[in-house]
Amino acid sequence: MLLFNAFQDTVKNYANRLALNHLTYQELLKAVLKHEYRYVCDNTDWTIILDVLKASMLNKPIVILPKFNRDSVTVPSADNNEFGIMLFSSGSSSGNRKCIFMSDRMIMANVENATKCQSLTFADIILTVCSLNHTGGLSAQTIAGLLAGSHIIVEQFNAFNFLRLITQHSVTVTHLIPVMINALIKVNSNIKVSSLRLVMAGSDCVNKEHVDYWLSKGVPFIVNYGMTEAGPIIINHKFNPGDDLTVFSKGVPLGTTAWCQVDIVDGVLMLRGPSLMINNVWFNTGDCVEKYNEWFIYNGRHSAGCKIIPKQY
């Protein structure tokens, strides 16, 4: 119940401030209390947060189905009676999608990392456009921001109105995936985003043009590496306007700062820490990584011969 207890503490401090879309923290708490617990969450909108907080309140597990290709997953039996979130990995080339159990301890460790690396506070307005059915949308900013007292706005991503939403709501922080930034680059909108203090992106290879897009608008940008089994706040780096981007000539940079223990064994990245699925045990990511000065550089999946396989959406 660590998550729900932390949420209740936030409600005490920010009861009348906006929490999630149109709901204040006090209203969100009331909605959670009235909400019916479901072991399997098949929603795809902001109400996923209600399901998660209700499960945490009752100290029961919850399975969140992926947004797409649900016929490729198998819902596990409820063997664990303690709270935790079960999400599904994106799948290997063979199509297998693993069910990953994010324990209360893992969730809260990631909250700490996400809050620190992005300096999230009650003053932030966070625009969540990544799917809450996956770890990036749920854990990169949303849960951490909710516990920090931030106002979370959940919207479907639309490249044509994204920048307009930022100005309309005075958004300060948001999280994207590279394909979304590609769409924004194509739209080529000149709308000013003066309220925006930080953009984070990950879950796929972040390239120089993705960073350039935001730095040209005067917005600091965090390139971030993580995975469902770990984080997703694991390795990242914050670029500021005017920074040198020549590191992109060396490959796909993951970042310079690690938020857990890291090691590279036979060219494969190994992780250990409380924000991982299994605590105090080294986890083999299967990602081929090398160091270039202080940078972690991604070279592809080990199972693919250390080649980068384009992500399917």
C-alpha atoms as a PDB file:
ATOM      1  CA  MET A   1       0.000   0.000   0.000  1.00  0.00           C
ATOM      2  CA  LEU A   2       3.024   2.284  -0.311  1.00  0.00           C
ATOM      3  CA  LEU A   3       1.599   3.917  -3.429  1.00  0.00           C
ATOM      4  CA  PHE A   4      -1.875   4.590  -2.000  1.00  0.00           C
ATOM      5  CA  ASN A   5      -0.479   5.827   1.320  1.00  0.00           C
ATOM      6  CA  ALA A   6       1.793   8.247  -0.540  1.00  0.00           C
ATOM      7  CA  PHE A   7      -1.183   9.388  -2.612  1.00  0.00           C
ATOM      8  CA  GLN A   8      -3.221  10.044   0.535  1.00  0.00           C
ATOM      9  CA  ASP A   9      -0.377  12.150   1.922  1.00  0.00           C
ATOM     10  CA  THR A  10      -0.392  14.179  -1.298  1.00  0.00           C
ATOM     11  CA  VAL A  11      -4.157  14.675  -1.020  1.00  0.00           C
ATOM     12  CA  LYS A  12      -3.696  16.103   2.486  1.00  0.00           C
ATOM     13  CA  ASN A  13      -1.218  18.658   1.165  1.00  0.00           C
ATOM     14  CA  TYR A  14      -2.945  19.595  -2.115  1.00  0.00           C
ATOM     15  CA  ALA A  15      -6.624  18.682  -1.577  1.00  0.00           C
ATOM     16  CA  ASN A  16      -8.089  21.501  -3.680  1.00  0.00           C
ATOM     17  CA  ARG A  17      -5.463  21.600  -6.422  1.00  0.00           C
ATOM     18  CA  LEU A  18      -6.117  19.914  -9.743  1.00  0.00           C
ATOM     19  CA  ALA A  19      -4.776  16.372  -9.807  1.00  0.00           C
ATOM     20  CA  LEU A  20      -5.987  14.457 -12.860  1.00  0.00           C
ATOM     21  CA  ASN A  21      -7.709  16.198 -15.776  1.00  0.00           C
ATOM     22  CA  HIS A  22     -10.676  18.060 -14.224  1.00  0.00           C
ATOM     23  CA  LEU A  23     -10.500  16.348 -10.812  1.00  0.00           C
ATOM     24  CA  THR A  24      -8.889  17.914  -7.744  1.00  0.00           C
ATOM     25  CA  TYR A  25      -6.853  15.706  -5.415  1.00  0.00           C
ATOM     26  CA  GLN A  26      -9.781  15.483  -2.984  1.00  0.00           C
ATOM     27  CA  GLU A  27     -12.177  14.608  -5.813  1.00  0.00           C
ATOM     28  CA  LEU A  28      -9.774  12.018  -7.185  1.00  0.00           C
ATOM     29  CA  LEU A  29      -9.525  10.363  -3.772  1.00  0.00           C
ATOM     30  CA  LYS A  30     -13.342  10.219  -3.536  1.00  0.00           C
ATOM     31  CA  ALA A  31     -13.490   8.711  -7.023  1.00  0.00           C
ATOM     32  CA  VAL A  32     -10.973   6.031  -6.003  1.00  0.00           C
ATOM     33  CA  LEU A  33     -12.940   5.198  -2.839  1.00  0.00           C
ATOM     34  CA  LYS A  34     -16.120   4.702  -4.895  1.00  0.00           C
ATOM     35  CA  HIS A  35     -14.356   2.841  -7.706  1.00  0.00           C
ATOM     36  CA  GLU A  36     -14.810  -0.909  -8.080  1.00  0.00           C
ATOM     37  CA  TYR A  37     -11.673  -3.050  -7.904  1.00  0.00           C
ATOM     38  CA  ARG A  38     -10.894  -5.059 -11.012  1.00  0.00           C
ATOM     39  CA  TYR A  39      -8.104  -7.586 -11.327  1.00  0.00           C
ATOM     40  CA  VAL A  40      -7.904  -7.007 -15.084  1.00  0.00           C
ATOM     41  CA  CYS A  41      -7.948  -3.441 -16.373  1.00  0.00           C
ATOM     42  CA  ASP A  42      -9.009  -3.215 -20.009  1.00  0.00           C
ATOM     43  CA  ASN A  43      -9.362   0.566 -20.111  1.00  0.00           C
ATOM     44  CA  THR A  44      -7.222   2.737 -22.392  1.00  0.00           C
ATOM     45  CA  ASP A  45      -7.901   6.182 -20.901  1.00  0.00           C
ATOM     46  CA  TRP A  46      -7.197   8.157 -17.702  1.00  0.00           C
ATOM     47  CA  THR A  47      -9.410   5.826 -15.624  1.00  0.00           C
ATOM     48  CA  ILE A  48      -6.493   3.368 -15.560  1.00  0.00           C
ATOM     49  CA  ILE A  49      -5.212   5.547 -12.708  1.00  0.00           C
ATOM     50  CA  LEU A  50      -8.420   4.846 -10.761  1.00  0.00           C
ATOM     51  CA  ASP A  51      -7.889   1.113 -11.206  1.00  0.00           C
ATOM     52  CA  VAL A  52      -4.256   1.328 -10.072  1.00  0.00           C
ATOM     53  CA  LEU A  53      -4.982   3.433  -6.972  1.00  0.00           C
ATOM     54  CA  LYS A  54      -7.930   1.203  -6.016  1.00  0.00           C
ATOM     55  CA  ALA A  55      -5.786  -1.909  -6.268  1.00  0.00           C
ATOM     56  CA  SER A  56      -3.110  -0.250  -4.148  1.00  0.00           C
ATOM     57  CA  MET A  57      -5.694   0.824  -1.553  1.00  0.00           C
ATOM     58  CA  LEU A  58      -6.894  -2.776  -1.190  1.00  0.00           C
ATOM     59  CA  ASN A  59      -3.364  -4.199  -1.471  1.00  0.00           C
ATOM     60  CA  LYS A  60      -4.382  -6.362  -4.431  1.00  0.00           C
ATOM     61  CA  PRO A  61      -2.664  -6.994  -7.775  1.00  0.00           C
ATOM     62  CA  ILE A  62      -3.814  -5.514 -11.064  1.00  0.00           C
ATOM     63  CA  VAL A  63      -3.210  -6.583 -14.662  1.00  0.00           C
ATOM     64  CA  ILE A  64      -3.210  -3.761 -17.230  1.00  0.00           C
ATOM     65  CA  LEU A  65      -3.815  -5.075 -20.724  1.00  0.00           C
ATOM     66  CA  PRO A  66      -1.761  -3.540 -23.555  1.00  0.00           C
ATOM     67  CA  LYS A  67      -3.490  -0.961 -25.695  1.00  0.00           C
ATOM     68  CA  PHE A  68      -3.089  -2.977 -28.894  1.00  0.00           C
ATOM     69  CA  ASN A  69      -2.696  -6.638 -29.910  1.00  0.00           C
ATOM     70  CA  ARG A  70      -4.368  -7.941 -26.774  1.00  0.00           C
ATOM     71  CA  ASP A  71      -4.877 -11.350 -28.341  1.00  0.00           C
ATOM     72  CA  SER A  72      -1.110 -11.887 -28.106  1.00  0.00           C
ATOM     73  CA  VAL A  73      -1.047 -11.882 -24.295  1.00  0.00           C
ATOM     74  CA  THR A  74      -2.111 -14.365 -21.640  1.00  0.00           C
ATOM     75  CA  VAL A  75      -3.564 -12.983 -18.407  1.00  0.00           C
ATOM     76  CA  PRO A  76      -1.815 -14.664 -15.468  1.00  0.00           C
ATOM     77  CA  SER A  77      -3.744 -16.177 -12.587  1.00  0.00           C
ATOM     78  CA  ALA A  78      -3.962 -14.103  -9.403  1.00  0.00           C
ATOM     79  CA  ASP A  79      -1.325 -16.039  -7.461  1.00  0.00           C
ATOM     80  CA  ASN A  80       0.053 -12.961  -5.708  1.00  0.00           C
ATOM     81  CA  ASN A  81      -2.346 -11.329  -3.257  1.00  0.00           C
ATOM     82  CA  GLU A  82      -0.229  -8.212  -2.725  1.00  0.00           C
ATOM     83  CA  PHE A  83      -0.467  -4.995  -4.700  1.00  0.00           C
ATOM     84  CA  GLY A  84       1.567  -4.737  -7.852  1.00  0.00           C
ATOM     85  CA  ILE A  85       1.016  -3.770 -11.469  1.00  0.00           C
ATOM     86  CA  MET A  86       1.346  -6.412 -14.176  1.00  0.00           C
ATOM     87  CA  LEU A  87       2.242  -4.964 -17.569  1.00  0.00           C
ATOM     88  CA  PHE A  88       3.226  -6.659 -20.798  1.00  0.00           C
ATOM     89  CA  SER A  89       6.529  -6.260 -22.609  1.00  0.00           C
ATOM     90  CA  SER A  90       6.570  -5.116 -26.220  1.00  0.00           C
ATOM     91  CA  GLY A  91       7.537  -8.638 -27.300  1.00  0.00           C
ATOM     92  CA  SER A  92      10.454 -10.264 -29.063  1.00  0.00           C
ATOM     93  CA  SER A  93      10.831 -10.948 -32.753  1.00  0.00           C
ATOM     94  CA  SER A  94       8.979 -14.223 -32.134  1.00  0.00           C
ATOM     95  CA  GLY A  95       5.975 -12.272 -30.873  1.00  0.00           C
ATOM     96  CA  ASN A  96       6.103 -13.455 -27.274  1.00  0.00           C
ATOM     97  CA  ARG A  97       4.947 -10.810 -24.791  1.00  0.00           C
ATOM     98  CA  LYS A  98       6.071 -11.365 -21.225  1.00  0.00           C
ATOM     99  CA  CYS A  99       3.988 -10.326 -18.246  1.00  0.00           C
ATOM    100  CA  ILE A 100       6.121  -8.154 -15.955  1.00  0.00           C
ATOM    101  CA  PHE A 101       5.201  -7.702 -12.285  1.00  0.00           C
ATOM    102  CA  MET A 102       5.973  -4.233 -10.936  1.00  0.00           C
ATOM    103  CA  SER A 103       5.909  -4.524  -7.164  1.00  0.00           C
ATOM    104  CA  ASP A 104       4.979  -1.706  -4.806  1.00  0.00           C
ATOM    105  CA  ARG A 105       8.675  -1.393  -3.943  1.00  0.00           C
ATOM    106  CA  MET A 106       9.667  -1.171  -7.612  1.00  0.00           C
ATOM    107  CA  ILE A 107       6.971   1.417  -8.381  1.00  0.00           C
ATOM    108  CA  MET A 108       8.010   3.660  -5.499  1.00  0.00           C
ATOM    109  CA  ALA A 109      11.718   3.368  -6.315  1.00  0.00           C
ATOM    110  CA  ASN A 110      10.948   4.518  -9.836  1.00  0.00           C
ATOM    111  CA  VAL A 111       8.825   7.381  -8.442  1.00  0.00           C
ATOM    112  CA  GLU A 112      11.882   8.548  -6.528  1.00  0.00           C
ATOM    113  CA  ASN A 113      14.098   8.361  -9.629  1.00  0.00           C
ATOM    114  CA  ALA A 114      11.546  10.050 -11.893  1.00  0.00           C
ATOM    115  CA  THR A 115      10.925  12.844  -9.395  1.00  0.00           C
ATOM    116  CA  LYS A 116      14.611  13.554  -8.847  1.00  0.00           C
ATOM    117  CA  CYS A 117      15.813  13.420 -12.445  1.00  0.00           C
ATOM    118  CA  GLN A 118      12.996  15.681 -13.673  1.00  0.00           C
ATOM    119  CA  SER A 119      12.672  17.848 -10.528  1.00  0.00           C
ATOM    120  CA  LEU A 120       8.914  17.254 -10.455  1.00  0.00           C
ATOM    121  CA  THR A 121       6.946  19.395  -7.978  1.00  0.00           C
ATOM    122  CA  PHE A 122       3.412  20.536  -7.164  1.00  0.00           C
ATOM    123  CA  ALA A 123       3.957  23.473  -9.540  1.00  0.00           C
ATOM    124  CA  ASP A 124       4.200  21.218 -12.606  1.00  0.00           C
ATOM    125  CA  ILE A 125       1.473  20.620 -15.159  1.00  0.00           C
ATOM    126  CA  ILE A 126       2.229  17.334 -16.900  1.00  0.00           C
ATOM    127  CA  LEU A 127       0.765  16.408 -20.267  1.00  0.00           C
ATOM    128  CA  THR A 128       0.583  12.611 -20.638  1.00  0.00           C
ATOM    129  CA  VAL A 129       0.066  11.500 -24.238  1.00  0.00           C
ATOM    130  CA  CYS A 130       1.882   8.159 -24.050  1.00  0.00           C
ATOM    131  CA  SER A 131      -0.371   5.192 -23.332  1.00  0.00           C
ATOM    132  CA  LEU A 132      -1.066   4.443 -19.665  1.00  0.00           C
ATOM    133  CA  ASN A 133      -1.266   0.792 -20.716  1.00  0.00           C
ATOM    134  CA  HIS A 134       2.517   0.749 -20.889  1.00  0.00           C
ATOM    135  CA  THR A 135       5.315   1.606 -18.496  1.00  0.00           C
ATOM    136  CA  GLY A 136       6.408   4.833 -20.211  1.00  0.00           C
ATOM    137  CA  GLY A 137       3.045   6.561 -19.991  1.00  0.00           C
ATOM    138  CA  LEU A 138       2.342   5.231 -16.527  1.00  0.00           C
ATOM    139  CA  SER A 139       5.730   5.506 -14.838  1.00  0.00           C
ATOM    140  CA  ALA A 140       7.960   8.041 -16.594  1.00  0.00           C
ATOM    141  CA  GLN A 141       6.010  11.031 -15.259  1.00  0.00           C
ATOM    142  CA  THR A 142       2.361  10.292 -14.448  1.00  0.00           C
ATOM    143  CA  ILE A 143       2.520   8.405 -11.145  1.00  0.00           C
ATOM    144  CA  ALA A 144       5.544  10.381  -9.935  1.00  0.00           C
ATOM    145  CA  GLY A 145       3.863  13.672 -10.813  1.00  0.00           C
ATOM    146  CA  LEU A 146       0.665  12.628  -9.080  1.00  0.00           C
ATOM    147  CA  LEU A 147       2.581  11.954  -5.864  1.00  0.00           C
ATOM    148  CA  ALA A 148       4.457  15.251  -6.209  1.00  0.00           C
ATOM    149  CA  GLY A 149       1.200  17.213  -6.286  1.00  0.00           C
ATOM    150  CA  SER A 150       1.406  18.005 -10.007  1.00  0.00           C
ATOM    151  CA  HIS A 151      -1.604  18.424 -12.271  1.00  0.00           C
ATOM    152  CA  ILE A 152      -1.728  15.502 -14.720  1.00  0.00           C
ATOM    153  CA  ILE A 153      -3.561  15.998 -18.022  1.00  0.00           C
ATOM    154  CA  VAL A 154      -4.150  12.795 -19.995  1.00  0.00           C
ATOM    155  CA  GLU A 155      -4.875  13.232 -23.705  1.00  0.00           C
ATOM    156  CA  GLN A 156      -4.589  11.175 -26.877  1.00  0.00           C
ATOM    157  CA  PHE A 157      -1.583  12.267 -28.914  1.00  0.00           C
ATOM    158  CA  ASN A 158      -2.387  14.369 -31.960  1.00  0.00           C
ATOM    159  CA  ALA A 159       0.508  16.076 -33.714  1.00  0.00           C
ATOM    160  CA  PHE A 160      -1.756  18.828 -35.025  1.00  0.00           C
ATOM    161  CA  ASN A 161      -2.955  20.038 -31.609  1.00  0.00           C
ATOM    162  CA  PHE A 162      -0.134  18.911 -29.279  1.00  0.00           C
ATOM    163  CA  LEU A 163       1.663  22.261 -29.072  1.00  0.00           C
ATOM    164  CA  ARG A 164      -1.675  24.022 -28.781  1.00  0.00           C
ATOM    165  CA  LEU A 165      -2.537  21.863 -25.754  1.00  0.00           C
ATOM    166  CA  ILE A 166       0.760  22.839 -24.148  1.00  0.00           C
ATOM    167  CA  THR A 167      -0.002  26.537 -24.471  1.00  0.00           C
ATOM    168  CA  GLN A 168      -3.682  26.131 -23.564  1.00  0.00           C
ATOM    169  CA  HIS A 169      -2.909  24.363 -20.276  1.00  0.00           C
ATOM    170  CA  SER A 170       0.484  26.034 -19.576  1.00  0.00           C
ATOM    171  CA  VAL A 171       2.096  22.584 -19.553  1.00  0.00           C
ATOM    172  CA  THR A 172       5.562  22.449 -17.995  1.00  0.00           C
ATOM    173  CA  VAL A 173       6.608  18.806 -18.536  1.00  0.00           C
ATOM    174  CA  THR A 174       5.753  16.065 -21.017  1.00  0.00           C
ATOM    175  CA  HIS A 175       6.992  12.661 -22.177  1.00  0.00           C
ATOM    176  CA  LEU A 176       7.029  11.410 -25.772  1.00  0.00           C
ATOM    177  CA  ILE A 177       8.251   8.537 -27.889  1.00  0.00           C
ATOM    178  CA  PRO A 178      10.395   9.250 -30.974  1.00  0.00           C
ATOM    179  CA  VAL A 179       7.639   8.444 -33.485  1.00  0.00           C
ATOM    180  CA  MET A 180       5.563  11.222 -31.908  1.00  0.00           C
ATOM    181  CA  ILE A 181       8.399  13.707 -32.334  1.00  0.00           C
ATOM    182  CA  ASN A 182       8.721  12.588 -35.966  1.00  0.00           C
ATOM    183  CA  ALA A 183       5.076  13.551 -36.436  1.00  0.00           C
ATOM    184  CA  LEU A 184       5.645  16.945 -34.795  1.00  0.00           C
ATOM    185  CA  ILE A 185       8.622  17.597 -37.072  1.00  0.00           C
ATOM    186  CA  LYS A 186       6.436  16.894 -40.132  1.00  0.00           C
ATOM    187  CA  VAL A 187       3.684  19.230 -38.896  1.00  0.00           C
ATOM    188  CA  ASN A 188       6.341  21.944 -38.426  1.00  0.00           C
ATOM    189  CA  SER A 189       4.214  24.158 -36.190  1.00  0.00           C
ATOM    190  CA  ASN A 190       5.625  27.501 -35.028  1.00  0.00           C
ATOM    191  CA  ILE A 191       3.428  27.707 -31.919  1.00  0.00           C
ATOM    192  CA  LYS A 192       5.452  29.013 -28.969  1.00  0.00           C
ATOM    193  CA  VAL A 193       5.717  26.766 -25.904  1.00  0.00           C
ATOM    194  CA  SER A 194       7.062  29.219 -23.348  1.00  0.00           C
ATOM    195  CA  SER A 195       5.582  27.335 -20.366  1.00  0.00           C
ATOM    196  CA  LEU A 196       7.370  24.089 -21.230  1.00  0.00           C
ATOM    197  CA  ARG A 197      10.484  23.552 -19.112  1.00  0.00           C
ATOM    198  CA  LEU A 198      11.285  19.909 -19.973  1.00  0.00           C
ATOM    199  CA  VAL A 199      10.588  17.150 -22.514  1.00  0.00           C
ATOM    200  CA  MET A 200      11.611  13.529 -21.958  1.00  0.00           C
ATOM    201  CA  ALA A 201      11.659  10.851 -24.666  1.00  0.00           C
ATOM    202  CA  GLY A 202      12.502   7.171 -24.806  1.00  0.00           C
ATOM    203  CA  SER A 203      11.220   3.622 -25.455  1.00  0.00           C
ATOM    204  CA  ASP A 204      12.896   3.670 -28.890  1.00  0.00           C
ATOM    205  CA  CYS A 205      16.061   5.099 -30.414  1.00  0.00           C
ATOM    206  CA  VAL A 206      16.238   8.864 -29.875  1.00  0.00           C
ATOM    207  CA  ASN A 207      18.136  10.531 -32.709  1.00  0.00           C
ATOM    208  CA  LYS A 208      19.804  13.896 -33.132  1.00  0.00           C
ATOM    209  CA  GLU A 209      16.840  15.391 -34.995  1.00  0.00           C
ATOM    210  CA  HIS A 210      14.550  14.579 -32.044  1.00  0.00           C
ATOM    211  CA  VAL A 211      16.784  16.513 -29.661  1.00  0.00           C
ATOM    212  CA  ASP A 212      17.321  19.326 -32.169  1.00  0.00           C
ATOM    213  CA  TYR A 213      13.574  19.822 -32.544  1.00  0.00           C
ATOM    214  CA  TRP A 214      13.073  20.698 -28.875  1.00  0.00           C
ATOM    215  CA  LEU A 215      16.346  22.527 -28.297  1.00  0.00           C
ATOM    216  CA  SER A 216      15.502  24.799 -31.251  1.00  0.00           C
ATOM    217  CA  LYS A 217      12.353  25.744 -29.343  1.00  0.00           C
ATOM    218  CA  GLY A 218      14.433  26.558 -26.265  1.00  0.00           C
ATOM    219  CA  VAL A 219      13.205  23.508 -24.318  1.00  0.00           C
ATOM    220  CA  PRO A 220      15.624  21.254 -22.376  1.00  0.00           C
ATOM    221  CA  PHE A 221      15.365  17.620 -23.452  1.00  0.00           C
ATOM    222  CA  ILE A 222      16.054  14.359 -21.585  1.00  0.00           C
ATOM    223  CA  VAL A 223      16.958  11.310 -23.643  1.00  0.00           C
ATOM    224  CA  ASN A 224      15.954   8.323 -21.522  1.00  0.00           C
ATOM    225  CA  TYR A 225      16.546   4.567 -21.508  1.00  0.00           C
ATOM    226  CA  GLY A 226      14.433   2.095 -19.582  1.00  0.00           C
ATOM    227  CA  MET A 227      12.290  -0.990 -19.919  1.00  0.00           C
ATOM    228  CA  THR A 228       9.209  -2.575 -18.377  1.00  0.00           C
ATOM    229  CA  GLU A 229      11.398  -4.814 -16.224  1.00  0.00           C
ATOM    230  CA  ALA A 230      13.379  -1.845 -14.963  1.00  0.00           C
ATOM    231  CA  GLY A 231      12.231   1.660 -14.374  1.00  0.00           C
ATOM    232  CA  PRO A 232      11.587   3.127 -16.948  1.00  0.00           C
ATOM    233  CA  ILE A 233      13.980   5.729 -15.492  1.00  0.00           C
ATOM    234  CA  ILE A 234      17.297   3.873 -15.808  1.00  0.00           C
ATOM    235  CA  ILE A 235      19.869   5.794 -17.880  1.00  0.00           C
ATOM    236  CA  ASN A 236      19.402   9.321 -19.228  1.00  0.00           C
ATOM    237  CA  HIS A 237      20.951  12.669 -20.066  1.00  0.00           C
ATOM    238  CA  LYS A 238      19.591  16.199 -20.089  1.00  0.00           C
ATOM    239  CA  PHE A 239      20.438  18.356 -23.109  1.00  0.00           C
ATOM    240  CA  ASN A 240      20.112  22.122 -22.823  1.00  0.00           C
ATOM    241  CA  PRO A 241      19.831  24.607 -25.706  1.00  0.00           C
ATOM    242  CA  GLY A 242      23.286  25.221 -27.141  1.00  0.00           C
ATOM    243  CA  ASP A 243      24.715  21.852 -26.057  1.00  0.00           C
ATOM    244  CA  ASP A 244      27.077  19.958 -28.337  1.00  0.00           C
ATOM    245  CA  LEU A 245      25.298  17.026 -30.046  1.00  0.00           C
ATOM    246  CA  THR A 246      28.315  15.394 -31.710  1.00  0.00           C
ATOM    247  CA  VAL A 247      27.853  12.316 -29.484  1.00  0.00           C
ATOM    248  CA  PHE A 248      25.154  11.223 -31.956  1.00  0.00           C
ATOM    249  CA  SER A 249      27.902  10.560 -34.495  1.00  0.00           C
ATOM    250  CA  LYS A 250      29.033   7.693 -32.235  1.00  0.00           C
ATOM    251  CA  GLY A 251      25.721   5.824 -32.398  1.00  0.00           C
ATOM    252  CA  VAL A 252      22.541   5.886 -30.330  1.00  0.00           C
ATOM    253  CA  PRO A 253      23.305   7.548 -26.973  1.00  0.00           C
ATOM    254  CA  LEU A 254      21.289   6.331 -23.990  1.00  0.00           C
ATOM    255  CA  GLY A 255      22.616   8.862 -21.512  1.00  0.00           C
ATOM    256  CA  THR A 256      25.362   9.619 -19.025  1.00  0.00           C
ATOM    257  CA  THR A 257      23.550   9.231 -15.687  1.00  0.00           C
ATOM    258  CA  ALA A 258      22.475   5.836 -14.344  1.00  0.00           C
ATOM    259  CA  TRP A 259      19.714   5.609 -11.738  1.00  0.00           C
ATOM    260  CA  CYS A 260      20.667   2.105 -10.595  1.00  0.00           C
ATOM    261  CA  GLN A 261      23.800  -0.040 -10.546  1.00  0.00           C
ATOM    262  CA  VAL A 262      25.070  -0.752 -14.045  1.00  0.00           C
ATOM    263  CA  ASP A 263      27.714  -3.016 -15.563  1.00  0.00           C
ATOM    264  CA  ILE A 264      28.610  -4.110 -19.069  1.00  0.00           C
ATOM    265  CA  VAL A 265      29.452  -7.800 -19.350  1.00  0.00           C
ATOM    266  CA  ASP A 266      30.615  -9.149 -22.707  1.00  0.00           C
ATOM    267  CA  GLY A 267      29.097  -6.090 -24.362  1.00  0.00           C
ATOM    268  CA  VAL A 268      25.657  -6.534 -22.729  1.00  0.00           C
ATOM    269  CA  LEU A 269      24.148  -4.071 -20.261  1.00  0.00           C
ATOM    270  CA  MET A 270      23.466  -5.448 -16.764  1.00  0.00           C
ATOM    271  CA  LEU A 271      21.334  -3.652 -14.153  1.00  0.00           C
ATOM    272  CA  ARG A 272      20.693  -4.004 -10.438  1.00  0.00           C
ATOM    273  CA  GLY A 273      18.676  -1.938  -7.958  1.00  0.00           C
ATOM    274  CA  PRO A 274      15.313  -1.394  -6.234  1.00  0.00           C
ATOM    275  CA  SER A 275      13.617   0.012  -9.359  1.00  0.00           C
ATOM    276  CA  LEU A 276      14.056  -3.339 -11.117  1.00  0.00           C
ATOM    277  CA  MET A 277      11.604  -6.232 -11.193  1.00  0.00           C
ATOM    278  CA  ILE A 278      13.917  -8.375  -9.040  1.00  0.00           C
ATOM    279  CA  ASN A 279      15.820  -6.470  -6.356  1.00  0.00           C
ATOM    280  CA  ASN A 280      19.508  -7.054  -5.543  1.00  0.00           C
ATOM    281  CA  VAL A 281      20.020  -9.439  -8.467  1.00  0.00           C
ATOM    282  CA  TRP A 282      21.828  -8.509 -11.671  1.00  0.00           C
ATOM    283  CA  PHE A 283      19.395  -8.307 -14.586  1.00  0.00           C
ATOM    284  CA  ASN A 284      20.530  -9.040 -18.135  1.00  0.00           C
ATOM    285  CA  THR A 285      18.856  -6.464 -20.394  1.00  0.00           C
ATOM    286  CA  GLY A 286      19.829  -8.228 -23.609  1.00  0.00           C
ATOM    287  CA  ASP A 287      20.914  -4.830 -24.951  1.00  0.00           C
ATOM    288  CA  CYS A 288      24.347  -4.423 -26.507  1.00  0.00           C
ATOM    289  CA  VAL A 289      25.911  -1.321 -24.978  1.00  0.00           C
ATOM    290  CA  GLU A 290      29.375   0.225 -24.932  1.00  0.00           C
ATOM    291  CA  LYS A 291      30.895   3.215 -23.150  1.00  0.00           C
ATOM    292  CA  TYR A 292      32.190   6.251 -25.014  1.00  0.00           C
ATOM    293  CA  ASN A 293      33.713   8.584 -22.407  1.00  0.00           C
ATOM    294  CA  GLU A 294      30.824   9.126 -19.956  1.00  0.00           C
ATOM    295  CA  TRP A 295      28.174   8.040 -22.489  1.00  0.00           C
ATOM    296  CA  PHE A 296      26.342   4.727 -22.729  1.00  0.00           C
ATOM    297  CA  ILE A 297      25.923   3.937 -26.448  1.00  0.00           C
ATOM    298  CA  TYR A 298      23.305   1.461 -27.673  1.00  0.00           C
ATOM    299  CA  ASN A 299      24.312  -0.993 -30.396  1.00  0.00           C
ATOM    300  CA  GLY A 300      21.184  -3.153 -30.701  1.00  0.00           C
ATOM    301  CA  ARG A 301      19.697  -6.343 -29.261  1.00  0.00           C
ATOM    302  CA  HIS A 302      22.047  -9.192 -28.403  1.00  0.00           C
ATOM    303  CA  SER A 303      19.503 -11.679 -29.754  1.00  0.00           C
ATOM    304  CA  ALA A 304      19.714  -9.889 -33.124  1.00  0.00           C
ATOM    305  CA  GLY A 305      23.499 -10.058 -33.270  1.00  0.00           C
ATOM    306  CA  CYS A 306      23.856  -6.599 -31.724  1.00  0.00           C
ATOM    307  CA  LYS A 307      21.907  -4.988 -34.518  1.00  0.00           C
ATOM    308  CA  ILE A 308      19.265  -2.322 -34.065  1.00  0.00           C
ATOM    309  CA  ILE A 309      15.849  -3.631 -35.072  1.00  0.00           C
ATOM    310  CA  PRO A 310      13.313  -0.903 -35.942  1.00  0.00           C
ATOM    311  CA  LYS A 311      10.460  -0.889 -33.448  1.00  0.00           C
ATOM    312  CA  GLN A 312       7.025  -1.838 -34.731  1.00  0.00           C
ATOM    313  CA  TYR A 313       4.081   0.404 -33.759  1.00  0.00           C
END
